[in-house]
Amino acid sequence: MTEEAKTTAPQADPAVWVVGPGEGEKIVLGSTRMRVLEDGSHTGHRLAIAESVLAPHTQGPPQHRHGLHDEGFYVLSGTVRFTVGDEDHDATAGTLVMVPPGTPHTFANPADEPAVMLSTFTPDLYVQYFRDLREALADGRPLTPRTNADTMSRYATEPATDPA
């Protein structure tokens, strides 16, 4: 190889982050299993990505609004019901749902089969919310509406309706 070819050949980037199948941080919240693929530590906190598996007939979080981050959901398999205000949208595999800050939303799996979705958080602010819920469960604290609302509030998020 010539000296010129050596300097123009693609170089491996030491900052590239690879998460293989089955790798990533695991978070189990009731019947929902989450795998954090990127928590923001490799993106300058601009982006976080998680894969979630919703068991059949899983209710999601209470309807809520994020004040500082966009949230995206790409349905990989199954059906996820997104509720935005009073409107329901059944999203099947291949559907992308983007939720901008301030928009009330929640999701659930109404079907008899598991649903899998990939979620994005821009910026990464909300990943710690899931970690906090996991810690509460590990400490034996139930995830009451008040606990959920208090935890959300630490991450610029609030219930869209009265949590009581």
N, C-alpha and C. Protein backbone atom coordinates (compact mmCIF):
# COMPACT_ATOMS: atom_id res chain seq x y z
N MET A 1 0.85 -1.17 0.00
CA MET A 1 0.00 0.00 0.00
C MET A 1 0.90 1.23 0.00
N THR A 2 0.56 2.21 -0.85
CA THR A 2 1.36 3.44 -0.91
C THR A 2 1.12 4.29 0.33
N GLU A 3 2.03 5.22 0.58
CA GLU A 3 1.88 6.12 1.74
C GLU A 3 0.60 6.93 1.61
N GLU A 4 0.27 7.38 0.38
CA GLU A 4 -0.95 8.16 0.17
C GLU A 4 -2.18 7.31 0.48
N ALA A 5 -2.20 6.07 0.05
CA ALA A 5 -3.34 5.19 0.31
C ALA A 5 -3.52 4.93 1.80
N LYS A 6 -2.41 4.84 2.51
CA LYS A 6 -2.50 4.62 3.96
C LYS A 6 -3.18 5.79 4.66
N THR A 7 -2.90 7.00 4.22
CA THR A 7 -3.47 8.17 4.91
C THR A 7 -4.91 8.43 4.49
N THR A 8 -5.37 7.92 3.36
CA THR A 8 -6.74 8.16 2.93
C THR A 8 -7.65 6.97 3.19
N ALA A 9 -7.09 5.84 3.59
CA ALA A 9 -7.92 4.67 3.87
C ALA A 9 -8.77 4.93 5.11
N PRO A 10 -10.01 4.41 5.13
CA PRO A 10 -10.86 4.59 6.31
C PRO A 10 -10.19 4.04 7.56
N GLN A 11 -10.28 4.77 8.62
CA GLN A 11 -9.69 4.37 9.88
C GLN A 11 -10.80 4.00 10.86
N ALA A 12 -10.54 3.03 11.71
CA ALA A 12 -11.50 2.68 12.74
C ALA A 12 -11.61 3.86 13.72
N ASP A 13 -12.82 4.24 14.06
CA ASP A 13 -13.05 5.36 14.97
C ASP A 13 -13.15 4.81 16.38
N PRO A 14 -12.23 5.20 17.27
CA PRO A 14 -12.27 4.66 18.63
C PRO A 14 -13.52 5.11 19.40
N ALA A 15 -14.27 6.11 18.89
CA ALA A 15 -15.46 6.59 19.57
C ALA A 15 -16.72 5.81 19.16
N VAL A 16 -16.60 4.92 18.20
CA VAL A 16 -17.77 4.16 17.76
C VAL A 16 -18.20 3.24 18.89
N TRP A 17 -19.48 3.21 19.15
CA TRP A 17 -20.06 2.42 20.23
C TRP A 17 -20.95 1.36 19.61
N VAL A 18 -20.71 0.11 19.93
CA VAL A 18 -21.49 -1.00 19.37
C VAL A 18 -22.15 -1.76 20.51
N VAL A 19 -23.45 -1.97 20.39
CA VAL A 19 -24.21 -2.76 21.36
C VAL A 19 -24.78 -3.94 20.60
N GLY A 20 -24.36 -5.12 20.95
CA GLY A 20 -24.80 -6.32 20.25
C GLY A 20 -26.11 -6.87 20.77
N PRO A 21 -26.64 -7.88 20.08
CA PRO A 21 -27.87 -8.52 20.54
C PRO A 21 -27.72 -9.00 21.97
N GLY A 22 -28.71 -8.72 22.78
CA GLY A 22 -28.70 -9.15 24.18
C GLY A 22 -27.87 -8.26 25.10
N GLU A 23 -27.13 -7.31 24.54
CA GLU A 23 -26.33 -6.40 25.37
C GLU A 23 -27.14 -5.16 25.68
N GLY A 24 -26.59 -4.32 26.52
CA GLY A 24 -27.25 -3.09 26.92
C GLY A 24 -27.77 -3.21 28.34
N GLU A 25 -28.10 -2.08 28.91
CA GLU A 25 -28.61 -2.04 30.28
C GLU A 25 -30.06 -2.52 30.33
N LYS A 26 -30.35 -3.47 31.21
CA LYS A 26 -31.69 -4.03 31.32
C LYS A 26 -32.47 -3.33 32.43
N ILE A 27 -33.70 -2.96 32.12
CA ILE A 27 -34.60 -2.35 33.10
C ILE A 27 -35.94 -3.07 32.96
N VAL A 28 -36.41 -3.67 34.06
CA VAL A 28 -37.70 -4.35 34.07
C VAL A 28 -38.64 -3.55 34.95
N LEU A 29 -39.75 -3.13 34.37
CA LEU A 29 -40.77 -2.37 35.10
C LEU A 29 -42.10 -3.09 34.93
N GLY A 30 -42.43 -3.91 35.90
CA GLY A 30 -43.65 -4.70 35.78
C GLY A 30 -43.55 -5.64 34.60
N SER A 31 -44.55 -5.56 33.70
CA SER A 31 -44.57 -6.46 32.55
C SER A 31 -43.84 -5.88 31.34
N THR A 32 -43.14 -4.77 31.52
CA THR A 32 -42.37 -4.17 30.44
C THR A 32 -40.88 -4.39 30.67
N ARG A 33 -40.21 -4.90 29.63
CA ARG A 33 -38.76 -5.09 29.69
C ARG A 33 -38.11 -4.07 28.75
N MET A 34 -37.15 -3.36 29.27
CA MET A 34 -36.46 -2.35 28.48
C MET A 34 -34.98 -2.69 28.41
N ARG A 35 -34.40 -2.40 27.25
CA ARG A 35 -32.97 -2.56 27.06
C ARG A 35 -32.45 -1.22 26.56
N VAL A 36 -31.68 -0.53 27.39
CA VAL A 36 -31.11 0.76 27.01
C VAL A 36 -29.92 0.48 26.10
N LEU A 37 -30.03 0.93 24.87
CA LEU A 37 -28.98 0.71 23.88
C LEU A 37 -27.97 1.86 23.89
N GLU A 38 -28.46 3.05 24.15
CA GLU A 38 -27.62 4.25 24.25
C GLU A 38 -28.25 5.15 25.29
N ASP A 39 -27.51 5.44 26.35
CA ASP A 39 -28.05 6.28 27.43
C ASP A 39 -27.67 7.74 27.30
N GLY A 40 -27.02 8.09 26.20
CA GLY A 40 -26.61 9.46 25.96
C GLY A 40 -25.14 9.69 26.25
N SER A 41 -24.49 8.75 26.91
CA SER A 41 -23.08 8.94 27.28
C SER A 41 -22.15 8.89 26.07
N HIS A 42 -22.61 8.36 24.95
CA HIS A 42 -21.77 8.30 23.75
C HIS A 42 -22.22 9.28 22.68
N THR A 43 -23.25 10.09 22.98
CA THR A 43 -23.78 11.05 22.00
C THR A 43 -23.73 12.48 22.51
N GLY A 44 -22.93 12.72 23.53
CA GLY A 44 -22.91 14.05 24.11
C GLY A 44 -24.25 14.41 24.73
N HIS A 45 -25.01 13.40 25.13
CA HIS A 45 -26.33 13.54 25.76
C HIS A 45 -27.39 14.11 24.82
N ARG A 46 -27.13 14.07 23.51
CA ARG A 46 -28.10 14.56 22.53
C ARG A 46 -29.19 13.54 22.24
N LEU A 47 -28.88 12.25 22.43
CA LEU A 47 -29.79 11.20 22.01
C LEU A 47 -29.63 9.98 22.90
N ALA A 48 -30.76 9.38 23.27
CA ALA A 48 -30.77 8.08 23.94
C ALA A 48 -31.70 7.17 23.15
N ILE A 49 -31.43 5.86 23.19
CA ILE A 49 -32.23 4.89 22.45
C ILE A 49 -32.47 3.68 23.34
N ALA A 50 -33.71 3.20 23.35
CA ALA A 50 -34.04 2.01 24.13
C ALA A 50 -35.00 1.12 23.35
N GLU A 51 -34.87 -0.17 23.57
CA GLU A 51 -35.80 -1.15 23.02
C GLU A 51 -36.70 -1.60 24.16
N SER A 52 -38.01 -1.61 23.93
CA SER A 52 -38.95 -2.04 24.96
C SER A 52 -39.81 -3.17 24.44
N VAL A 53 -40.03 -4.15 25.30
CA VAL A 53 -40.94 -5.25 25.01
C VAL A 53 -42.12 -5.12 25.97
N LEU A 54 -43.30 -4.92 25.40
CA LEU A 54 -44.53 -4.80 26.19
C LEU A 54 -45.25 -6.14 26.13
N ALA A 55 -45.47 -6.73 27.28
CA ALA A 55 -46.20 -8.00 27.34
C ALA A 55 -47.63 -7.77 26.85
N PRO A 56 -48.32 -8.85 26.44
CA PRO A 56 -49.72 -8.70 26.04
C PRO A 56 -50.54 -8.02 27.14
N HIS A 57 -51.44 -7.16 26.71
CA HIS A 57 -52.39 -6.46 27.60
C HIS A 57 -51.68 -5.62 28.65
N THR A 58 -50.56 -5.02 28.29
CA THR A 58 -49.81 -4.16 29.19
C THR A 58 -50.31 -2.73 29.08
N GLN A 59 -50.66 -2.16 30.24
CA GLN A 59 -50.97 -0.74 30.29
C GLN A 59 -49.67 0.02 30.40
N GLY A 60 -49.57 1.12 29.73
CA GLY A 60 -48.36 1.92 29.78
C GLY A 60 -48.40 2.91 30.93
N PRO A 61 -47.56 3.91 30.86
CA PRO A 61 -47.51 4.92 31.92
C PRO A 61 -48.76 5.79 31.87
N PRO A 62 -49.01 6.56 32.93
CA PRO A 62 -50.11 7.52 32.84
C PRO A 62 -49.82 8.53 31.72
N GLN A 63 -50.89 9.06 31.14
CA GLN A 63 -50.68 10.05 30.09
C GLN A 63 -49.87 11.21 30.68
N HIS A 64 -48.87 11.68 29.92
CA HIS A 64 -47.94 12.67 30.44
C HIS A 64 -47.42 13.56 29.32
N ARG A 65 -46.74 14.65 29.73
CA ARG A 65 -46.13 15.60 28.80
C ARG A 65 -44.65 15.77 29.18
N HIS A 66 -43.80 15.79 28.19
CA HIS A 66 -42.38 16.09 28.42
C HIS A 66 -42.16 17.56 28.10
N GLY A 67 -41.43 18.24 28.97
CA GLY A 67 -41.19 19.66 28.76
C GLY A 67 -39.94 19.95 27.95
N LEU A 68 -38.97 19.04 27.96
CA LEU A 68 -37.68 19.35 27.35
C LEU A 68 -37.18 18.35 26.32
N HIS A 69 -37.92 17.30 26.06
CA HIS A 69 -37.38 16.36 25.07
C HIS A 69 -38.46 15.80 24.15
N ASP A 70 -38.01 15.49 22.94
CA ASP A 70 -38.83 14.77 21.97
C ASP A 70 -38.70 13.29 22.28
N GLU A 71 -39.77 12.56 22.00
CA GLU A 71 -39.74 11.11 22.18
C GLU A 71 -40.25 10.47 20.90
N GLY A 72 -39.49 9.51 20.40
CA GLY A 72 -39.89 8.80 19.20
C GLY A 72 -40.09 7.33 19.50
N PHE A 73 -41.05 6.72 18.82
CA PHE A 73 -41.34 5.29 19.00
C PHE A 73 -41.44 4.66 17.62
N TYR A 74 -40.65 3.62 17.37
CA TYR A 74 -40.73 2.86 16.13
C TYR A 74 -41.16 1.45 16.51
N VAL A 75 -42.31 1.03 16.03
CA VAL A 75 -42.85 -0.28 16.37
C VAL A 75 -42.17 -1.34 15.50
N LEU A 76 -41.48 -2.27 16.18
CA LEU A 76 -40.76 -3.34 15.48
C LEU A 76 -41.65 -4.55 15.25
N SER A 77 -42.51 -4.86 16.23
CA SER A 77 -43.44 -5.98 16.08
C SER A 77 -44.63 -5.78 17.00
N GLY A 78 -45.73 -6.43 16.65
CA GLY A 78 -46.93 -6.31 17.45
C GLY A 78 -47.68 -5.02 17.18
N THR A 79 -48.57 -4.68 18.10
CA THR A 79 -49.39 -3.46 18.00
C THR A 79 -49.25 -2.68 19.29
N VAL A 80 -48.96 -1.40 19.16
CA VAL A 80 -48.89 -0.50 20.31
C VAL A 80 -49.97 0.56 20.12
N ARG A 81 -50.80 0.73 21.13
CA ARG A 81 -51.84 1.77 21.09
C ARG A 81 -51.29 3.03 21.74
N PHE A 82 -51.19 4.08 20.95
CA PHE A 82 -50.76 5.38 21.45
C PHE A 82 -52.00 6.22 21.67
N THR A 83 -52.09 6.80 22.84
CA THR A 83 -53.18 7.71 23.15
C THR A 83 -52.58 9.10 23.27
N VAL A 84 -53.09 10.00 22.47
CA VAL A 84 -52.64 11.39 22.45
C VAL A 84 -53.86 12.23 22.77
N GLY A 85 -53.90 12.75 24.00
CA GLY A 85 -55.11 13.44 24.44
C GLY A 85 -56.25 12.44 24.50
N ASP A 86 -57.30 12.66 23.71
CA ASP A 86 -58.45 11.75 23.68
C ASP A 86 -58.44 10.84 22.45
N GLU A 87 -57.38 10.89 21.68
CA GLU A 87 -57.33 10.16 20.41
C GLU A 87 -56.41 8.95 20.50
N ASP A 88 -56.91 7.78 20.06
CA ASP A 88 -56.11 6.55 20.03
C ASP A 88 -55.59 6.30 18.62
N HIS A 89 -54.36 5.79 18.56
CA HIS A 89 -53.74 5.40 17.29
C HIS A 89 -53.13 4.03 17.51
N ASP A 90 -53.61 3.02 16.77
CA ASP A 90 -53.02 1.69 16.86
C ASP A 90 -51.89 1.60 15.84
N ALA A 91 -50.67 1.46 16.35
CA ALA A 91 -49.48 1.44 15.51
C ALA A 91 -48.97 0.01 15.41
N THR A 92 -48.83 -0.46 14.18
CA THR A 92 -48.33 -1.81 13.93
C THR A 92 -46.88 -1.72 13.47
N ALA A 93 -46.25 -2.87 13.27
CA ALA A 93 -44.84 -2.94 12.86
C ALA A 93 -44.59 -2.03 11.66
N GLY A 94 -43.51 -1.25 11.76
CA GLY A 94 -43.13 -0.35 10.69
C GLY A 94 -43.65 1.07 10.89
N THR A 95 -44.38 1.32 11.97
CA THR A 95 -44.95 2.64 12.24
C THR A 95 -44.03 3.43 13.15
N LEU A 96 -43.84 4.70 12.80
CA LEU A 96 -43.08 5.63 13.62
C LEU A 96 -44.04 6.66 14.22
N VAL A 97 -43.92 6.89 15.52
CA VAL A 97 -44.70 7.91 16.22
C VAL A 97 -43.70 8.86 16.87
N MET A 98 -43.79 10.14 16.51
CA MET A 98 -42.92 11.17 17.11
C MET A 98 -43.79 12.06 18.00
N VAL A 99 -43.33 12.26 19.23
CA VAL A 99 -44.07 13.06 20.21
C VAL A 99 -43.20 14.26 20.60
N PRO A 100 -43.62 15.48 20.20
CA PRO A 100 -42.84 16.66 20.56
C PRO A 100 -43.09 17.08 22.01
N PRO A 101 -42.22 17.89 22.57
CA PRO A 101 -42.44 18.38 23.93
C PRO A 101 -43.82 19.03 24.07
N GLY A 102 -44.43 18.82 25.23
CA GLY A 102 -45.72 19.43 25.52
C GLY A 102 -46.94 18.65 25.08
N THR A 103 -46.75 17.57 24.33
CA THR A 103 -47.88 16.79 23.81
C THR A 103 -48.25 15.68 24.78
N PRO A 104 -49.52 15.65 25.27
CA PRO A 104 -49.93 14.57 26.18
C PRO A 104 -49.98 13.24 25.44
N HIS A 105 -49.42 12.20 26.05
CA HIS A 105 -49.39 10.90 25.38
C HIS A 105 -49.18 9.78 26.38
N THR A 106 -49.54 8.61 25.94
CA THR A 106 -49.22 7.36 26.63
C THR A 106 -49.28 6.25 25.58
N PHE A 107 -48.99 5.04 26.00
CA PHE A 107 -49.03 3.90 25.08
C PHE A 107 -49.37 2.66 25.88
N ALA A 108 -49.85 1.63 25.18
CA ALA A 108 -50.20 0.35 25.80
C ALA A 108 -50.15 -0.72 24.73
N ASN A 109 -50.14 -1.97 25.18
CA ASN A 109 -50.25 -3.10 24.25
C ASN A 109 -51.60 -3.76 24.50
N PRO A 110 -52.60 -3.49 23.64
CA PRO A 110 -53.93 -4.06 23.84
C PRO A 110 -54.07 -5.49 23.30
N ALA A 111 -53.05 -5.99 22.64
CA ALA A 111 -53.15 -7.25 21.90
C ALA A 111 -52.78 -8.46 22.74
N ASP A 112 -52.98 -9.63 22.15
CA ASP A 112 -52.67 -10.91 22.80
C ASP A 112 -51.22 -11.34 22.60
N GLU A 113 -50.45 -10.59 21.82
CA GLU A 113 -49.05 -10.90 21.54
C GLU A 113 -48.16 -9.79 22.09
N PRO A 114 -46.90 -10.09 22.42
CA PRO A 114 -45.99 -9.03 22.85
C PRO A 114 -45.81 -7.99 21.74
N ALA A 115 -45.46 -6.79 22.12
CA ALA A 115 -45.13 -5.73 21.17
C ALA A 115 -43.72 -5.24 21.50
N VAL A 116 -42.95 -4.96 20.45
CA VAL A 116 -41.59 -4.49 20.63
C VAL A 116 -41.47 -3.15 19.91
N MET A 117 -40.87 -2.18 20.62
CA MET A 117 -40.65 -0.88 19.99
C MET A 117 -39.29 -0.32 20.36
N LEU A 118 -38.79 0.49 19.48
CA LEU A 118 -37.54 1.20 19.69
C LEU A 118 -37.92 2.64 20.01
N SER A 119 -37.38 3.17 21.11
CA SER A 119 -37.70 4.54 21.52
C SER A 119 -36.46 5.40 21.47
N THR A 120 -36.66 6.66 21.08
CA THR A 120 -35.59 7.64 21.11
C THR A 120 -35.98 8.77 22.04
N PHE A 121 -35.00 9.35 22.69
CA PHE A 121 -35.19 10.48 23.58
C PHE A 121 -34.16 11.53 23.20
N THR A 122 -34.62 12.72 22.78
CA THR A 122 -33.69 13.77 22.39
C THR A 122 -34.04 15.04 23.14
N PRO A 123 -33.20 15.50 24.06
CA PRO A 123 -31.96 14.85 24.49
C PRO A 123 -32.25 13.64 25.37
N ASP A 124 -31.20 13.10 25.99
CA ASP A 124 -31.28 11.83 26.71
C ASP A 124 -31.91 11.91 28.10
N LEU A 125 -32.40 13.04 28.48
CA LEU A 125 -32.88 13.34 29.83
C LEU A 125 -33.70 12.22 30.48
N TYR A 126 -34.56 11.56 29.73
CA TYR A 126 -35.57 10.68 30.34
C TYR A 126 -35.07 9.28 30.71
N VAL A 127 -33.91 8.88 30.27
CA VAL A 127 -33.41 7.54 30.60
C VAL A 127 -33.30 7.37 32.12
N GLN A 128 -32.87 8.40 32.81
CA GLN A 128 -32.71 8.29 34.26
C GLN A 128 -34.04 8.07 34.96
N TYR A 129 -35.12 8.54 34.39
CA TYR A 129 -36.47 8.29 34.94
C TYR A 129 -36.70 6.78 35.08
N PHE A 130 -36.39 6.03 34.04
CA PHE A 130 -36.59 4.58 34.08
C PHE A 130 -35.68 3.92 35.12
N ARG A 131 -34.47 4.41 35.23
CA ARG A 131 -33.56 3.90 36.25
C ARG A 131 -34.11 4.17 37.66
N ASP A 132 -34.67 5.35 37.85
CA ASP A 132 -35.24 5.70 39.16
C ASP A 132 -36.42 4.80 39.51
N LEU A 133 -37.26 4.50 38.52
CA LEU A 133 -38.39 3.59 38.77
C LEU A 133 -37.89 2.20 39.11
N ARG A 134 -36.87 1.75 38.40
CA ARG A 134 -36.28 0.43 38.70
C ARG A 134 -35.75 0.41 40.13
N GLU A 135 -35.10 1.47 40.55
CA GLU A 135 -34.55 1.54 41.90
C GLU A 135 -35.68 1.53 42.94
N ALA A 136 -36.77 2.23 42.67
CA ALA A 136 -37.90 2.24 43.61
C ALA A 136 -38.45 0.83 43.78
N LEU A 137 -38.61 0.11 42.68
CA LEU A 137 -39.10 -1.26 42.76
C LEU A 137 -38.13 -2.15 43.52
N ALA A 138 -36.83 -1.99 43.26
CA ALA A 138 -35.82 -2.79 43.94
C ALA A 138 -35.81 -2.53 45.44
N ASP A 139 -36.17 -1.30 45.82
CA ASP A 139 -36.24 -0.94 47.24
C ASP A 139 -37.57 -1.33 47.89
N GLY A 140 -38.45 -1.96 47.10
CA GLY A 140 -39.74 -2.41 47.63
C GLY A 140 -40.81 -1.33 47.66
N ARG A 141 -40.56 -0.20 47.01
CA ARG A 141 -41.56 0.87 46.97
C ARG A 141 -42.50 0.63 45.79
N PRO A 142 -43.80 0.69 46.03
CA PRO A 142 -44.75 0.49 44.92
C PRO A 142 -44.75 1.71 43.99
N LEU A 143 -45.05 1.46 42.73
CA LEU A 143 -45.10 2.55 41.76
C LEU A 143 -46.52 3.12 41.73
N THR A 144 -46.81 3.94 42.72
CA THR A 144 -48.12 4.59 42.80
C THR A 144 -48.18 5.77 41.83
N PRO A 145 -49.37 6.27 41.54
CA PRO A 145 -49.45 7.48 40.69
C PRO A 145 -48.63 8.64 41.26
N ARG A 146 -48.62 8.80 42.58
CA ARG A 146 -47.86 9.90 43.20
C ARG A 146 -46.35 9.66 43.02
N THR A 147 -45.89 8.43 43.23
CA THR A 147 -44.47 8.11 43.04
C THR A 147 -44.07 8.38 41.59
N ASN A 148 -44.91 7.96 40.67
CA ASN A 148 -44.63 8.14 39.25
C ASN A 148 -44.56 9.63 38.92
N ALA A 149 -45.52 10.42 39.41
CA ALA A 149 -45.54 11.86 39.12
C ALA A 149 -44.33 12.56 39.74
N ASP A 150 -43.97 12.18 40.96
CA ASP A 150 -42.80 12.78 41.60
C ASP A 150 -41.53 12.47 40.82
N THR A 151 -41.42 11.24 40.35
CA THR A 151 -40.24 10.84 39.58
C THR A 151 -40.22 11.57 38.24
N MET A 152 -41.36 11.65 37.57
CA MET A 152 -41.43 12.37 36.29
C MET A 152 -40.98 13.82 36.45
N SER A 153 -41.39 14.44 37.54
CA SER A 153 -41.11 15.87 37.73
C SER A 153 -39.60 16.16 37.76
N ARG A 154 -38.80 15.20 38.15
CA ARG A 154 -37.35 15.40 38.16
C ARG A 154 -36.76 15.47 36.75
N TYR A 155 -37.56 15.10 35.75
CA TYR A 155 -37.07 15.04 34.37
C TYR A 155 -37.97 15.86 33.43
N ALA A 156 -38.42 17.02 33.93
CA ALA A 156 -39.20 17.97 33.12
C ALA A 156 -40.41 17.30 32.47
N THR A 157 -41.07 16.44 33.22
CA THR A 157 -42.23 15.71 32.73
C THR A 157 -43.32 15.78 33.78
N GLU A 158 -44.57 15.87 33.33
CA GLU A 158 -45.69 15.93 34.27
C GLU A 158 -46.84 15.10 33.75
N PRO A 159 -47.65 14.55 34.66
CA PRO A 159 -48.86 13.86 34.21
C PRO A 159 -49.76 14.83 33.46
N ALA A 160 -50.44 14.32 32.44
CA ALA A 160 -51.34 15.16 31.66
C ALA A 160 -52.67 15.35 32.37
N THR A 161 -52.94 14.50 33.35
CA THR A 161 -54.17 14.62 34.14
C THR A 161 -53.75 14.54 35.60
N ASP A 162 -54.68 14.81 36.49
CA ASP A 162 -54.41 14.75 37.92
C ASP A 162 -53.97 13.34 38.29
N PRO A 163 -52.76 13.17 38.88
CA PRO A 163 -52.26 11.83 39.17
C PRO A 163 -52.94 11.18 40.39
N ALA A 164 -53.74 11.89 41.10
CA ALA A 164 -54.35 11.33 42.31
C ALA A 164 -55.49 10.39 42.00
